[in-house]
N, C-alpha and C. Protein backbone atom coordinates (compact mmCIF):
# COMPACT_ATOMS: atom_id res chain seq x y z
N MET A 1 -50.92 -89.93 -64.21
CA MET A 1 -51.42 -88.62 -64.56
C MET A 1 -52.55 -88.28 -63.61
N GLY A 2 -52.64 -87.04 -63.14
CA GLY A 2 -53.64 -86.60 -62.19
C GLY A 2 -54.93 -86.22 -62.88
N TRP A 3 -55.79 -85.61 -62.09
CA TRP A 3 -57.08 -85.17 -62.62
C TRP A 3 -56.88 -84.12 -63.70
N PHE A 4 -57.65 -84.15 -64.72
CA PHE A 4 -57.68 -83.19 -65.81
C PHE A 4 -56.32 -83.00 -66.45
N GLY A 5 -55.52 -84.08 -66.53
CA GLY A 5 -54.25 -84.03 -67.23
C GLY A 5 -53.11 -83.45 -66.43
N GLY A 6 -53.33 -83.08 -65.18
CA GLY A 6 -52.28 -82.51 -64.35
C GLY A 6 -51.35 -83.58 -63.83
N GLY A 7 -50.28 -83.20 -63.20
CA GLY A 7 -49.31 -84.14 -62.66
C GLY A 7 -49.85 -84.82 -61.42
N SER A 8 -49.15 -85.88 -61.02
CA SER A 8 -49.56 -86.63 -59.85
C SER A 8 -48.35 -86.86 -58.98
N SER A 9 -48.54 -86.77 -57.67
CA SER A 9 -47.43 -86.98 -56.76
C SER A 9 -47.27 -88.45 -56.41
N THR A 10 -48.25 -89.28 -56.74
CA THR A 10 -48.15 -90.71 -56.44
C THR A 10 -47.87 -91.46 -57.72
N PRO A 11 -47.17 -92.60 -57.61
CA PRO A 11 -46.88 -93.38 -58.81
C PRO A 11 -48.17 -93.92 -59.42
N GLU A 12 -48.18 -94.03 -60.73
CA GLU A 12 -49.37 -94.50 -61.43
C GLU A 12 -49.55 -95.99 -61.22
N GLU A 13 -50.81 -96.40 -61.06
CA GLU A 13 -51.13 -97.81 -60.94
C GLU A 13 -51.27 -98.41 -62.33
N ALA A 14 -51.00 -99.68 -62.39
CA ALA A 14 -51.19 -100.37 -63.66
C ALA A 14 -52.69 -100.46 -63.93
N PRO A 15 -53.10 -100.36 -65.19
CA PRO A 15 -54.54 -100.46 -65.49
C PRO A 15 -55.07 -101.83 -65.09
N ARG A 16 -56.27 -101.84 -64.55
CA ARG A 16 -56.89 -103.08 -64.12
C ARG A 16 -57.69 -103.67 -65.26
N ASP A 17 -57.72 -105.00 -65.31
CA ASP A 17 -58.48 -105.70 -66.32
C ASP A 17 -59.78 -106.19 -65.69
N PHE A 18 -60.90 -105.59 -66.11
CA PHE A 18 -62.20 -105.98 -65.57
C PHE A 18 -62.95 -106.89 -66.54
N SER A 19 -62.28 -107.41 -67.54
CA SER A 19 -62.96 -108.23 -68.54
C SER A 19 -63.07 -109.70 -68.13
N SER A 20 -62.48 -110.08 -67.02
CA SER A 20 -62.51 -111.46 -66.57
C SER A 20 -63.94 -111.88 -66.22
N SER A 21 -64.25 -113.12 -66.49
CA SER A 21 -65.58 -113.63 -66.13
C SER A 21 -65.57 -114.25 -64.74
N ASP A 22 -64.45 -114.13 -64.04
CA ASP A 22 -64.35 -114.68 -62.69
C ASP A 22 -65.12 -113.78 -61.73
N ASP A 23 -66.23 -114.29 -61.21
CA ASP A 23 -67.02 -113.51 -60.26
C ASP A 23 -67.01 -114.15 -58.88
N SER A 24 -65.94 -114.83 -58.55
CA SER A 24 -65.86 -115.51 -57.25
C SER A 24 -65.86 -114.52 -56.10
N ALA A 25 -65.44 -113.28 -56.33
CA ALA A 25 -65.43 -112.29 -55.26
C ALA A 25 -66.84 -111.93 -54.84
N PHE A 26 -67.82 -112.12 -55.74
CA PHE A 26 -69.18 -111.76 -55.42
C PHE A 26 -69.95 -112.90 -54.77
N ALA A 27 -69.44 -114.11 -54.81
CA ALA A 27 -70.16 -115.26 -54.29
C ALA A 27 -70.30 -115.22 -52.78
N SER A 28 -69.44 -114.49 -52.09
CA SER A 28 -69.51 -114.45 -50.63
C SER A 28 -70.58 -113.49 -50.13
N SER A 29 -71.20 -112.75 -51.02
CA SER A 29 -72.24 -111.82 -50.62
C SER A 29 -73.44 -112.59 -50.08
N PRO A 30 -74.03 -112.16 -48.94
CA PRO A 30 -75.18 -112.87 -48.41
C PRO A 30 -76.43 -112.67 -49.26
N MET A 31 -76.42 -111.71 -50.15
CA MET A 31 -77.58 -111.44 -50.96
C MET A 31 -77.59 -112.25 -52.25
N GLN A 32 -76.47 -112.87 -52.62
CA GLN A 32 -76.43 -113.61 -53.86
C GLN A 32 -75.48 -114.78 -53.70
N THR A 33 -75.85 -115.93 -54.22
CA THR A 33 -75.01 -117.10 -54.14
C THR A 33 -74.31 -117.31 -55.46
N SER A 34 -73.40 -118.27 -55.50
CA SER A 34 -72.68 -118.54 -56.74
C SER A 34 -73.60 -119.05 -57.83
N GLN A 35 -74.78 -119.54 -57.46
CA GLN A 35 -75.73 -120.02 -58.46
C GLN A 35 -76.70 -118.94 -58.87
N GLY A 36 -76.55 -117.72 -58.35
CA GLY A 36 -77.35 -116.59 -58.76
C GLY A 36 -78.69 -116.47 -58.07
N GLN A 37 -78.94 -117.23 -57.01
CA GLN A 37 -80.21 -117.11 -56.32
C GLN A 37 -80.15 -115.88 -55.42
N ALA A 38 -81.14 -115.05 -55.54
CA ALA A 38 -81.13 -113.77 -54.86
C ALA A 38 -81.59 -113.89 -53.42
N MET A 39 -81.26 -112.90 -52.63
CA MET A 39 -81.73 -112.66 -51.28
C MET A 39 -81.31 -113.72 -50.27
N GLY A 40 -80.30 -114.49 -50.54
CA GLY A 40 -79.75 -115.39 -49.55
C GLY A 40 -80.64 -116.55 -49.17
N THR A 41 -81.56 -116.98 -50.03
CA THR A 41 -82.45 -118.07 -49.69
C THR A 41 -81.89 -119.43 -50.06
N ALA A 42 -80.76 -119.49 -50.78
CA ALA A 42 -80.18 -120.77 -51.17
C ALA A 42 -79.65 -121.49 -49.93
N GLY A 43 -79.92 -122.76 -49.84
CA GLY A 43 -79.40 -123.55 -48.75
C GLY A 43 -80.18 -123.39 -47.45
N MET A 44 -81.23 -122.59 -47.45
CA MET A 44 -82.02 -122.41 -46.23
C MET A 44 -83.01 -123.56 -46.12
N GLY A 45 -83.27 -123.96 -44.92
CA GLY A 45 -84.33 -124.93 -44.70
C GLY A 45 -85.67 -124.22 -44.76
N SER A 46 -86.73 -124.96 -44.55
CA SER A 46 -88.05 -124.34 -44.61
C SER A 46 -88.23 -123.28 -43.54
N THR A 47 -87.62 -123.47 -42.38
CA THR A 47 -87.74 -122.45 -41.33
C THR A 47 -86.99 -121.18 -41.71
N GLY A 48 -85.88 -121.32 -42.40
CA GLY A 48 -85.14 -120.14 -42.84
C GLY A 48 -85.92 -119.35 -43.86
N ILE A 49 -86.57 -120.05 -44.77
CA ILE A 49 -87.37 -119.37 -45.78
C ILE A 49 -88.59 -118.72 -45.13
N GLU A 50 -89.20 -119.42 -44.18
CA GLU A 50 -90.36 -118.86 -43.48
C GLU A 50 -89.96 -117.60 -42.71
N GLN A 51 -88.80 -117.65 -42.07
CA GLN A 51 -88.32 -116.48 -41.33
C GLN A 51 -88.05 -115.33 -42.29
N PHE A 52 -87.44 -115.63 -43.42
CA PHE A 52 -87.16 -114.60 -44.42
C PHE A 52 -88.46 -113.98 -44.92
N ALA A 53 -89.47 -114.82 -45.20
CA ALA A 53 -90.75 -114.33 -45.67
C ALA A 53 -91.42 -113.45 -44.61
N MET A 54 -91.32 -113.86 -43.34
CA MET A 54 -91.90 -113.08 -42.26
C MET A 54 -91.21 -111.72 -42.15
N GLU A 55 -89.89 -111.70 -42.27
CA GLU A 55 -89.16 -110.43 -42.21
C GLU A 55 -89.57 -109.51 -43.35
N GLN A 56 -89.75 -110.07 -44.53
CA GLN A 56 -90.18 -109.27 -45.69
C GLN A 56 -91.59 -108.71 -45.47
N GLN A 57 -92.47 -109.52 -44.89
CA GLN A 57 -93.82 -109.04 -44.60
C GLN A 57 -93.79 -107.91 -43.58
N GLN A 58 -92.92 -108.04 -42.57
CA GLN A 58 -92.80 -106.99 -41.57
C GLN A 58 -92.27 -105.71 -42.19
N ARG A 59 -91.29 -105.84 -43.09
CA ARG A 59 -90.76 -104.65 -43.78
C ARG A 59 -91.85 -103.98 -44.61
N MET A 60 -92.65 -104.78 -45.30
CA MET A 60 -93.73 -104.23 -46.10
C MET A 60 -94.75 -103.52 -45.22
N ALA A 61 -95.07 -104.11 -44.07
CA ALA A 61 -96.03 -103.49 -43.15
C ALA A 61 -95.50 -102.16 -42.63
N ILE A 62 -94.23 -102.10 -42.30
CA ILE A 62 -93.62 -100.85 -41.83
C ILE A 62 -93.65 -99.81 -42.93
N GLN A 63 -93.33 -100.21 -44.16
CA GLN A 63 -93.36 -99.27 -45.28
C GLN A 63 -94.77 -98.73 -45.51
N LYS A 64 -95.78 -99.58 -45.35
CA LYS A 64 -97.16 -99.13 -45.51
C LYS A 64 -97.53 -98.11 -44.44
N VAL A 65 -97.12 -98.37 -43.19
CA VAL A 65 -97.42 -97.45 -42.10
C VAL A 65 -96.73 -96.11 -42.33
N VAL A 66 -95.47 -96.15 -42.73
CA VAL A 66 -94.73 -94.91 -42.98
C VAL A 66 -95.38 -94.14 -44.13
N SER A 67 -95.77 -94.85 -45.17
CA SER A 67 -96.42 -94.20 -46.31
C SER A 67 -97.75 -93.57 -45.90
N LYS A 68 -98.53 -94.30 -45.12
CA LYS A 68 -99.82 -93.79 -44.66
C LYS A 68 -99.63 -92.58 -43.76
N LEU A 69 -98.67 -92.67 -42.85
CA LEU A 69 -98.40 -91.56 -41.94
C LEU A 69 -97.93 -90.33 -42.71
N THR A 70 -97.09 -90.54 -43.70
CA THR A 70 -96.61 -89.43 -44.53
C THR A 70 -97.77 -88.76 -45.24
N GLN A 71 -98.67 -89.56 -45.80
CA GLN A 71 -99.83 -89.00 -46.52
C GLN A 71 -100.74 -88.23 -45.58
N ILE A 72 -101.00 -88.79 -44.40
CA ILE A 72 -101.86 -88.11 -43.42
C ILE A 72 -101.25 -86.78 -43.01
N ALA A 73 -99.95 -86.80 -42.68
CA ALA A 73 -99.28 -85.57 -42.23
C ALA A 73 -99.25 -84.54 -43.36
N PHE A 74 -98.99 -84.98 -44.58
CA PHE A 74 -98.93 -84.05 -45.70
C PHE A 74 -100.31 -83.41 -45.92
N ASP A 75 -101.35 -84.24 -45.96
CA ASP A 75 -102.70 -83.72 -46.20
C ASP A 75 -103.14 -82.75 -45.10
N LYS A 76 -102.78 -83.05 -43.87
CA LYS A 76 -103.23 -82.23 -42.75
C LYS A 76 -102.39 -80.96 -42.55
N CYS A 77 -101.09 -81.05 -42.83
CA CYS A 77 -100.18 -79.97 -42.43
C CYS A 77 -99.65 -79.09 -43.55
N ILE A 78 -99.60 -79.58 -44.76
CA ILE A 78 -98.99 -78.83 -45.85
C ILE A 78 -100.09 -78.25 -46.74
N SER A 79 -100.24 -76.94 -46.69
CA SER A 79 -101.28 -76.31 -47.51
C SER A 79 -100.77 -76.02 -48.91
N THR A 80 -99.58 -75.48 -49.01
CA THR A 80 -98.98 -75.22 -50.32
C THR A 80 -97.54 -75.72 -50.29
N PRO A 81 -97.23 -76.73 -51.08
CA PRO A 81 -95.86 -77.25 -51.09
C PRO A 81 -94.85 -76.18 -51.49
N ASP A 82 -93.74 -76.16 -50.80
CA ASP A 82 -92.67 -75.20 -51.06
C ASP A 82 -91.35 -75.93 -50.98
N SER A 83 -90.27 -75.22 -51.17
CA SER A 83 -88.95 -75.85 -51.14
C SER A 83 -88.51 -76.21 -49.73
N SER A 84 -89.13 -75.63 -48.72
CA SER A 84 -88.80 -75.98 -47.34
C SER A 84 -90.07 -75.88 -46.50
N LEU A 85 -90.01 -76.47 -45.32
CA LEU A 85 -91.16 -76.47 -44.41
C LEU A 85 -91.08 -75.29 -43.46
N SER A 86 -92.21 -74.70 -43.18
CA SER A 86 -92.25 -73.63 -42.19
C SER A 86 -92.23 -74.26 -40.80
N SER A 87 -91.98 -73.44 -39.80
CA SER A 87 -91.93 -73.96 -38.43
C SER A 87 -93.29 -74.49 -37.99
N SER A 88 -94.37 -73.87 -38.44
CA SER A 88 -95.71 -74.36 -38.07
C SER A 88 -95.99 -75.70 -38.76
N GLU A 89 -95.52 -75.88 -39.99
CA GLU A 89 -95.69 -77.16 -40.68
C GLU A 89 -94.91 -78.27 -39.98
N VAL A 90 -93.70 -77.96 -39.54
CA VAL A 90 -92.88 -78.93 -38.82
C VAL A 90 -93.56 -79.31 -37.51
N SER A 91 -94.08 -78.32 -36.79
CA SER A 91 -94.78 -78.59 -35.53
C SER A 91 -96.02 -79.45 -35.78
N CYS A 92 -96.75 -79.15 -36.84
CA CYS A 92 -97.94 -79.93 -37.17
C CYS A 92 -97.57 -81.37 -37.49
N ILE A 93 -96.52 -81.56 -38.26
CA ILE A 93 -96.08 -82.92 -38.62
C ILE A 93 -95.69 -83.70 -37.38
N HIS A 94 -94.96 -83.05 -36.47
CA HIS A 94 -94.59 -83.72 -35.21
C HIS A 94 -95.83 -84.10 -34.40
N ALA A 95 -96.80 -83.20 -34.33
CA ALA A 95 -98.02 -83.47 -33.57
C ALA A 95 -98.81 -84.62 -34.20
N VAL A 96 -98.98 -84.58 -35.52
CA VAL A 96 -99.73 -85.64 -36.21
C VAL A 96 -99.03 -86.98 -36.03
N THR A 97 -97.72 -87.00 -36.18
CA THR A 97 -96.95 -88.24 -36.04
C THR A 97 -97.07 -88.79 -34.62
N GLY A 98 -96.93 -87.91 -33.64
CA GLY A 98 -97.04 -88.33 -32.25
C GLY A 98 -98.41 -88.90 -31.93
N LYS A 99 -99.46 -88.23 -32.40
CA LYS A 99 -100.82 -88.72 -32.16
C LYS A 99 -101.06 -90.06 -32.84
N TYR A 100 -100.58 -90.22 -34.06
CA TYR A 100 -100.76 -91.47 -34.79
C TYR A 100 -100.05 -92.61 -34.08
N LEU A 101 -98.80 -92.37 -33.66
CA LEU A 101 -98.04 -93.43 -32.97
C LEU A 101 -98.65 -93.76 -31.61
N ASP A 102 -99.09 -92.73 -30.89
CA ASP A 102 -99.74 -92.98 -29.59
C ASP A 102 -101.02 -93.78 -29.77
N GLY A 103 -101.81 -93.43 -30.77
CA GLY A 103 -103.04 -94.16 -31.04
C GLY A 103 -102.76 -95.60 -31.43
N SER A 104 -101.75 -95.81 -32.26
CA SER A 104 -101.39 -97.17 -32.67
C SER A 104 -100.92 -97.99 -31.48
N GLU A 105 -100.13 -97.39 -30.62
CA GLU A 105 -99.65 -98.09 -29.42
C GLU A 105 -100.82 -98.45 -28.50
N PHE A 106 -101.76 -97.54 -28.35
CA PHE A 106 -102.94 -97.79 -27.52
C PHE A 106 -103.72 -98.99 -28.06
N VAL A 107 -103.94 -99.02 -29.38
CA VAL A 107 -104.70 -100.11 -29.99
C VAL A 107 -103.97 -101.44 -29.82
N VAL A 108 -102.68 -101.46 -30.02
CA VAL A 108 -101.90 -102.70 -29.87
C VAL A 108 -101.99 -103.21 -28.44
N LYS A 109 -101.82 -102.32 -27.47
CA LYS A 109 -101.91 -102.74 -26.07
C LYS A 109 -103.30 -103.25 -25.73
N ARG A 110 -104.33 -102.60 -26.24
CA ARG A 110 -105.70 -103.04 -25.98
C ARG A 110 -105.94 -104.42 -26.58
N LEU A 111 -105.44 -104.65 -27.80
CA LEU A 111 -105.60 -105.96 -28.43
C LEU A 111 -104.83 -107.04 -27.67
N GLN A 112 -103.63 -106.71 -27.20
CA GLN A 112 -102.86 -107.68 -26.42
C GLN A 112 -103.57 -108.02 -25.13
N ARG A 113 -104.15 -107.02 -24.48
CA ARG A 113 -104.88 -107.27 -23.24
C ARG A 113 -106.11 -108.12 -23.52
N ALA A 114 -106.81 -107.85 -24.62
CA ALA A 114 -107.99 -108.63 -24.97
C ALA A 114 -107.61 -110.07 -25.28
N GLN A 115 -106.50 -110.28 -25.95
CA GLN A 115 -106.04 -111.64 -26.23
C GLN A 115 -105.68 -112.36 -24.94
N GLY A 116 -105.03 -111.65 -24.02
CA GLY A 116 -104.68 -112.24 -22.74
C GLY A 116 -105.91 -112.63 -21.95
N ASN A 117 -106.94 -111.78 -21.95
CA ASN A 117 -108.19 -112.09 -21.25
C ASN A 117 -108.89 -113.28 -21.90
N GLY A 118 -108.83 -113.37 -23.20
CA GLY A 118 -109.44 -114.50 -23.90
C GLY A 118 -108.76 -115.80 -23.55
N ARG A 119 -107.45 -115.79 -23.44
CA ARG A 119 -106.71 -116.99 -23.04
C ARG A 119 -107.02 -117.39 -21.63
N ASP A 120 -107.12 -116.39 -20.74
CA ASP A 120 -107.43 -116.67 -19.34
C ASP A 120 -108.81 -117.33 -19.20
N GLN A 121 -109.77 -116.88 -20.00
CA GLN A 121 -111.11 -117.46 -19.94
C GLN A 121 -111.11 -118.88 -20.48
N LEU A 122 -110.29 -119.14 -21.49
CA LEU A 122 -110.22 -120.50 -22.05
C LEU A 122 -109.57 -121.47 -21.06
N LEU A 123 -108.62 -120.99 -20.27
CA LEU A 123 -107.91 -121.85 -19.34
C LEU A 123 -108.72 -122.10 -18.07
N SER A 124 -109.70 -121.25 -17.76
CA SER A 124 -110.49 -121.42 -16.53
C SER A 124 -111.54 -122.48 -16.67
């Protein structure tokens, strides 16, 4: 039977039974093991867990930066929230984002250079 009781041009499929407790199809997922441990940490050595933790910390740091940037751009560029952004608001958001990213890149490069100079002085 088709949608809303109408006819169907394809033969009907037999009803599927989803009451089985067999969840072997889900065990191959990298996010969950057959023992129910989440996020693929089962069977990892200490380096695998450390790498996973580092990746999670990096994701959290990126989310914080995006959240901070969103708040800065909203506070600076949006005077009255509306259903859509005006062209001047879009331009302002692009400018704020560009300045923030350029400033962050400048700081990172300066810190890397300072670390390199510190290493050079220690080796001399």
